[in-house]
Amino acid sequence: MITIEALKNYGANTQEGLTRCMNNEEFYIMLVGKALADKRLDQLEQQIKDKEFGPAFETAHALKGMYSNLSLDPLTKPVSEITELLRSNSDADYSPLIAEAKEQFSRLAGL
């Protein structure tokens, strides 16, 4: 079960996340659970592999917003970098950033 303490140890800015959730710990943890149930990170990886940079930008931007609003900083960082590369329609090597995002997602899921 995810706890505030476990999220802090993960690197989430729980104080900021809780503030956005009116300091309601149950609500915040429920939203983190919903973020974990979201499958768009896999979708983003496929869109980038398929060089569908427009749709990939939309997906990355949505993920960035979700992770940022929950203050899941270790996950927000690589997704934010991906978003900015996609914003410029860059055909860059996204694999290190995707790998980091997936690792951070796995770490979060393991809490």
N, C-alpha and C. Protein backbone atom coordinates (compact mmCIF):
# COMPACT_ATOMS: atom_id res chain seq x y z
N MET A 1 0.84 -1.19 0.00
CA MET A 1 0.00 0.00 0.00
C MET A 1 0.88 1.25 0.00
N ILE A 2 0.53 2.19 -0.83
CA ILE A 2 1.27 3.44 -0.92
C ILE A 2 0.95 4.31 0.29
N THR A 3 1.99 4.87 0.87
CA THR A 3 1.83 5.79 1.99
C THR A 3 2.52 7.10 1.66
N ILE A 4 2.19 8.11 2.42
CA ILE A 4 2.84 9.42 2.25
C ILE A 4 4.34 9.27 2.49
N GLU A 5 4.71 8.52 3.51
CA GLU A 5 6.13 8.33 3.82
C GLU A 5 6.86 7.63 2.67
N ALA A 6 6.23 6.60 2.10
CA ALA A 6 6.84 5.89 0.97
C ALA A 6 7.00 6.83 -0.24
N LEU A 7 6.00 7.68 -0.46
CA LEU A 7 6.09 8.64 -1.57
C LEU A 7 7.21 9.65 -1.33
N LYS A 8 7.37 10.09 -0.08
CA LYS A 8 8.48 10.99 0.26
C LYS A 8 9.82 10.32 -0.03
N ASN A 9 9.95 9.07 0.41
CA ASN A 9 11.20 8.33 0.18
C ASN A 9 11.46 8.11 -1.30
N TYR A 10 10.42 8.00 -2.09
CA TYR A 10 10.53 7.87 -3.54
C TYR A 10 11.08 9.16 -4.15
N GLY A 11 10.79 10.28 -3.53
CA GLY A 11 11.25 11.57 -4.04
C GLY A 11 10.13 12.52 -4.42
N ALA A 12 8.90 12.10 -4.15
CA ALA A 12 7.76 12.97 -4.44
C ALA A 12 7.74 14.13 -3.45
N ASN A 13 7.33 15.28 -3.94
CA ASN A 13 7.16 16.44 -3.06
C ASN A 13 5.75 16.34 -2.49
N THR A 14 5.61 15.52 -1.47
CA THR A 14 4.27 15.23 -0.94
C THR A 14 3.60 16.45 -0.33
N GLN A 15 4.37 17.35 0.22
CA GLN A 15 3.78 18.56 0.79
C GLN A 15 3.07 19.35 -0.30
N GLU A 16 3.73 19.50 -1.44
CA GLU A 16 3.14 20.22 -2.57
C GLU A 16 1.93 19.45 -3.13
N GLY A 17 2.08 18.14 -3.28
CA GLY A 17 0.99 17.32 -3.80
C GLY A 17 -0.22 17.35 -2.89
N LEU A 18 0.02 17.26 -1.60
CA LEU A 18 -1.08 17.31 -0.64
C LEU A 18 -1.77 18.67 -0.66
N THR A 19 -1.01 19.73 -0.83
CA THR A 19 -1.60 21.07 -0.89
C THR A 19 -2.58 21.15 -2.05
N ARG A 20 -2.20 20.55 -3.19
CA ARG A 20 -3.09 20.55 -4.35
C ARG A 20 -4.35 19.72 -4.10
N CYS A 21 -4.27 18.81 -3.14
CA CYS A 21 -5.40 17.93 -2.81
C CYS A 21 -6.07 18.35 -1.51
N MET A 22 -5.97 19.62 -1.17
CA MET A 22 -6.60 20.18 0.02
C MET A 22 -6.18 19.43 1.29
N ASN A 23 -4.93 18.96 1.30
CA ASN A 23 -4.34 18.23 2.42
C ASN A 23 -5.10 16.95 2.78
N ASN A 24 -5.79 16.40 1.81
CA ASN A 24 -6.54 15.16 2.00
C ASN A 24 -5.67 13.99 1.55
N GLU A 25 -5.04 13.31 2.51
CA GLU A 25 -4.10 12.23 2.20
C GLU A 25 -4.76 11.10 1.41
N GLU A 26 -5.95 10.71 1.79
CA GLU A 26 -6.64 9.62 1.07
C GLU A 26 -6.87 9.99 -0.39
N PHE A 27 -7.28 11.22 -0.63
CA PHE A 27 -7.53 11.69 -1.99
C PHE A 27 -6.24 11.70 -2.80
N TYR A 28 -5.19 12.22 -2.20
CA TYR A 28 -3.89 12.27 -2.87
C TYR A 28 -3.41 10.86 -3.23
N ILE A 29 -3.46 9.96 -2.30
CA ILE A 29 -3.01 8.58 -2.55
C ILE A 29 -3.89 7.91 -3.60
N MET A 30 -5.18 8.20 -3.59
CA MET A 30 -6.08 7.66 -4.61
C MET A 30 -5.68 8.17 -6.00
N LEU A 31 -5.33 9.45 -6.10
CA LEU A 31 -4.91 10.01 -7.38
C LEU A 31 -3.58 9.41 -7.85
N VAL A 32 -2.68 9.16 -6.93
CA VAL A 32 -1.43 8.49 -7.28
C VAL A 32 -1.74 7.10 -7.83
N GLY A 33 -2.68 6.41 -7.22
CA GLY A 33 -3.10 5.10 -7.70
C GLY A 33 -3.67 5.18 -9.11
N LYS A 34 -4.45 6.22 -9.39
CA LYS A 34 -4.99 6.40 -10.74
C LYS A 34 -3.87 6.67 -11.74
N ALA A 35 -2.85 7.41 -11.32
CA ALA A 35 -1.70 7.65 -12.20
C ALA A 35 -0.98 6.35 -12.52
N LEU A 36 -0.91 5.46 -11.53
CA LEU A 36 -0.28 4.16 -11.76
C LEU A 36 -1.10 3.27 -12.69
N ALA A 37 -2.40 3.46 -12.71
CA ALA A 37 -3.27 2.66 -13.58
C ALA A 37 -3.26 3.18 -15.02
N ASP A 38 -2.74 4.38 -15.22
CA ASP A 38 -2.72 5.00 -16.54
C ASP A 38 -1.68 4.31 -17.43
N LYS A 39 -2.05 3.96 -18.63
CA LYS A 39 -1.17 3.22 -19.55
C LYS A 39 -0.55 4.10 -20.63
N ARG A 40 -0.67 5.40 -20.49
CA ARG A 40 -0.16 6.27 -21.56
C ARG A 40 1.35 6.31 -21.68
N LEU A 41 2.08 5.90 -20.67
CA LEU A 41 3.54 5.88 -20.81
C LEU A 41 3.94 4.85 -21.87
N ASP A 42 3.28 3.70 -21.88
CA ASP A 42 3.52 2.71 -22.93
C ASP A 42 3.09 3.25 -24.29
N GLN A 43 1.98 3.95 -24.31
CA GLN A 43 1.49 4.55 -25.55
C GLN A 43 2.50 5.56 -26.08
N LEU A 44 3.05 6.37 -25.19
CA LEU A 44 4.06 7.36 -25.57
C LEU A 44 5.27 6.68 -26.20
N GLU A 45 5.73 5.62 -25.57
CA GLU A 45 6.89 4.90 -26.10
C GLU A 45 6.60 4.40 -27.52
N GLN A 46 5.43 3.86 -27.75
CA GLN A 46 5.08 3.35 -29.09
C GLN A 46 4.97 4.50 -30.09
N GLN A 47 4.35 5.60 -29.70
CA GLN A 47 4.22 6.75 -30.60
C GLN A 47 5.59 7.27 -31.02
N ILE A 48 6.52 7.30 -30.08
CA ILE A 48 7.86 7.76 -30.42
C ILE A 48 8.54 6.77 -31.35
N LYS A 49 8.41 5.47 -31.08
CA LYS A 49 8.98 4.46 -31.98
C LYS A 49 8.42 4.59 -33.39
N ASP A 50 7.13 4.93 -33.48
CA ASP A 50 6.47 5.07 -34.78
C ASP A 50 6.68 6.45 -35.39
N LYS A 51 7.46 7.29 -34.71
CA LYS A 51 7.75 8.66 -35.15
C LYS A 51 6.49 9.49 -35.35
N GLU A 52 5.50 9.23 -34.51
CA GLU A 52 4.26 10.01 -34.50
C GLU A 52 4.44 11.13 -33.48
N PHE A 53 5.25 12.13 -33.85
CA PHE A 53 5.67 13.13 -32.89
C PHE A 53 4.55 14.06 -32.44
N GLY A 54 3.59 14.36 -33.29
CA GLY A 54 2.45 15.20 -32.87
C GLY A 54 1.64 14.52 -31.78
N PRO A 55 1.13 13.31 -32.04
CA PRO A 55 0.39 12.60 -31.00
C PRO A 55 1.26 12.31 -29.76
N ALA A 56 2.53 12.03 -29.98
CA ALA A 56 3.44 11.76 -28.85
C ALA A 56 3.56 13.00 -27.97
N PHE A 57 3.63 14.17 -28.59
CA PHE A 57 3.69 15.41 -27.80
C PHE A 57 2.44 15.55 -26.94
N GLU A 58 1.27 15.30 -27.52
CA GLU A 58 0.02 15.41 -26.76
C GLU A 58 0.02 14.44 -25.58
N THR A 59 0.47 13.22 -25.81
CA THR A 59 0.51 12.22 -24.74
C THR A 59 1.51 12.63 -23.66
N ALA A 60 2.70 13.04 -24.08
CA ALA A 60 3.73 13.44 -23.13
C ALA A 60 3.28 14.65 -22.31
N HIS A 61 2.64 15.59 -22.96
CA HIS A 61 2.18 16.79 -22.27
C HIS A 61 1.12 16.44 -21.22
N ALA A 62 0.23 15.53 -21.56
CA ALA A 62 -0.80 15.09 -20.60
C ALA A 62 -0.16 14.38 -19.40
N LEU A 63 0.81 13.51 -19.68
CA LEU A 63 1.50 12.80 -18.59
C LEU A 63 2.27 13.78 -17.72
N LYS A 64 2.93 14.72 -18.35
CA LYS A 64 3.68 15.73 -17.59
C LYS A 64 2.75 16.47 -16.64
N GLY A 65 1.58 16.84 -17.12
CA GLY A 65 0.61 17.54 -16.27
C GLY A 65 0.15 16.69 -15.11
N MET A 66 -0.15 15.43 -15.40
CA MET A 66 -0.62 14.53 -14.34
C MET A 66 0.46 14.33 -13.28
N TYR A 67 1.67 13.99 -13.72
CA TYR A 67 2.75 13.72 -12.78
C TYR A 67 3.16 14.99 -12.02
N SER A 68 3.14 16.12 -12.71
CA SER A 68 3.49 17.39 -12.06
C SER A 68 2.47 17.77 -11.00
N ASN A 69 1.19 17.63 -11.32
CA ASN A 69 0.15 17.98 -10.36
C ASN A 69 0.21 17.12 -9.11
N LEU A 70 0.70 15.90 -9.25
CA LEU A 70 0.84 15.01 -8.09
C LEU A 70 2.22 15.15 -7.44
N SER A 71 3.05 16.01 -8.01
CA SER A 71 4.40 16.27 -7.50
C SER A 71 5.23 14.99 -7.43
N LEU A 72 5.09 14.15 -8.43
CA LEU A 72 5.88 12.92 -8.54
C LEU A 72 7.16 13.27 -9.29
N ASP A 73 8.03 14.02 -8.62
CA ASP A 73 9.18 14.64 -9.25
C ASP A 73 10.10 13.67 -10.00
N PRO A 74 10.43 12.49 -9.47
CA PRO A 74 11.32 11.60 -10.22
C PRO A 74 10.72 11.15 -11.57
N LEU A 75 9.43 11.10 -11.65
CA LEU A 75 8.75 10.71 -12.89
C LEU A 75 8.50 11.93 -13.78
N THR A 76 8.26 13.06 -13.18
CA THR A 76 8.00 14.29 -13.93
C THR A 76 9.22 14.70 -14.74
N LYS A 77 10.40 14.56 -14.16
CA LYS A 77 11.62 15.05 -14.82
C LYS A 77 11.84 14.46 -16.21
N PRO A 78 11.91 13.14 -16.38
CA PRO A 78 12.15 12.63 -17.73
C PRO A 78 10.98 12.90 -18.68
N VAL A 79 9.76 12.88 -18.18
CA VAL A 79 8.61 13.14 -19.04
C VAL A 79 8.60 14.60 -19.49
N SER A 80 9.03 15.50 -18.63
CA SER A 80 9.13 16.92 -19.01
C SER A 80 10.17 17.11 -20.10
N GLU A 81 11.29 16.42 -19.97
CA GLU A 81 12.33 16.52 -21.00
C GLU A 81 11.84 15.97 -22.33
N ILE A 82 11.12 14.86 -22.29
CA ILE A 82 10.55 14.29 -23.51
C ILE A 82 9.57 15.28 -24.13
N THR A 83 8.73 15.89 -23.31
CA THR A 83 7.74 16.85 -23.79
C THR A 83 8.42 18.00 -24.53
N GLU A 84 9.48 18.53 -23.95
CA GLU A 84 10.15 19.67 -24.58
C GLU A 84 10.84 19.28 -25.89
N LEU A 85 11.41 18.09 -25.95
CA LEU A 85 11.99 17.63 -27.22
C LEU A 85 10.90 17.47 -28.27
N LEU A 86 9.78 16.91 -27.87
CA LEU A 86 8.68 16.71 -28.81
C LEU A 86 8.05 18.03 -29.23
N ARG A 87 8.06 18.99 -28.34
CA ARG A 87 7.51 20.31 -28.66
C ARG A 87 8.21 20.89 -29.90
N SER A 88 9.50 20.61 -30.01
CA SER A 88 10.26 21.10 -31.17
C SER A 88 10.27 20.09 -32.32
N ASN A 89 9.43 19.04 -32.18
CA ASN A 89 9.30 18.02 -33.23
C ASN A 89 10.65 17.37 -33.53
N SER A 90 11.43 17.17 -32.50
CA SER A 90 12.79 16.65 -32.63
C SER A 90 12.80 15.13 -32.81
N ASP A 91 13.54 14.70 -33.81
CA ASP A 91 13.74 13.26 -34.04
C ASP A 91 15.00 12.84 -33.29
N ALA A 92 14.98 13.00 -31.98
CA ALA A 92 16.12 12.70 -31.12
C ALA A 92 16.08 11.25 -30.67
N ASP A 93 17.11 10.83 -29.97
CA ASP A 93 17.13 9.51 -29.35
C ASP A 93 16.42 9.63 -28.00
N TYR A 94 15.19 9.21 -27.95
CA TYR A 94 14.37 9.32 -26.75
C TYR A 94 14.57 8.14 -25.81
N SER A 95 15.29 7.12 -26.27
CA SER A 95 15.35 5.87 -25.49
C SER A 95 15.88 6.04 -24.07
N PRO A 96 16.92 6.87 -23.81
CA PRO A 96 17.35 7.01 -22.41
C PRO A 96 16.28 7.66 -21.53
N LEU A 97 15.55 8.62 -22.08
CA LEU A 97 14.51 9.30 -21.29
C LEU A 97 13.31 8.38 -21.07
N ILE A 98 12.95 7.62 -22.09
CA ILE A 98 11.85 6.65 -21.94
C ILE A 98 12.24 5.61 -20.90
N ALA A 99 13.48 5.12 -20.97
CA ALA A 99 13.95 4.12 -20.01
C ALA A 99 13.91 4.68 -18.59
N GLU A 100 14.33 5.93 -18.42
CA GLU A 100 14.30 6.55 -17.09
C GLU A 100 12.86 6.70 -16.59
N ALA A 101 11.97 7.14 -17.47
CA ALA A 101 10.57 7.30 -17.08
C ALA A 101 9.97 5.96 -16.68
N LYS A 102 10.25 4.93 -17.45
CA LYS A 102 9.70 3.61 -17.14
C LYS A 102 10.28 3.06 -15.83
N GLU A 103 11.56 3.33 -15.59
CA GLU A 103 12.16 2.89 -14.33
C GLU A 103 11.52 3.61 -13.15
N GLN A 104 11.34 4.92 -13.28
CA GLN A 104 10.71 5.69 -12.20
C GLN A 104 9.27 5.24 -11.99
N PHE A 105 8.57 4.94 -13.06
CA PHE A 105 7.20 4.43 -12.94
C PHE A 105 7.21 3.10 -12.20
N SER A 106 8.15 2.22 -12.55
CA SER A 106 8.25 0.91 -11.88
C SER A 106 8.57 1.08 -10.40
N ARG A 107 9.47 2.01 -10.09
CA ARG A 107 9.80 2.27 -8.68
C ARG A 107 8.55 2.72 -7.93
N LEU A 108 7.79 3.62 -8.54
CA LEU A 108 6.57 4.12 -7.91
C LEU A 108 5.57 2.97 -7.74
N ALA A 109 5.42 2.16 -8.76
CA ALA A 109 4.47 1.04 -8.69
C ALA A 109 4.87 0.03 -7.62
N GLY A 110 6.15 -0.03 -7.29
CA GLY A 110 6.62 -0.97 -6.29
C GLY A 110 6.44 -0.53 -4.85
N LEU A 111 5.94 0.67 -4.66
CA LEU A 111 5.77 1.18 -3.29
C LEU A 111 4.66 0.44 -2.55
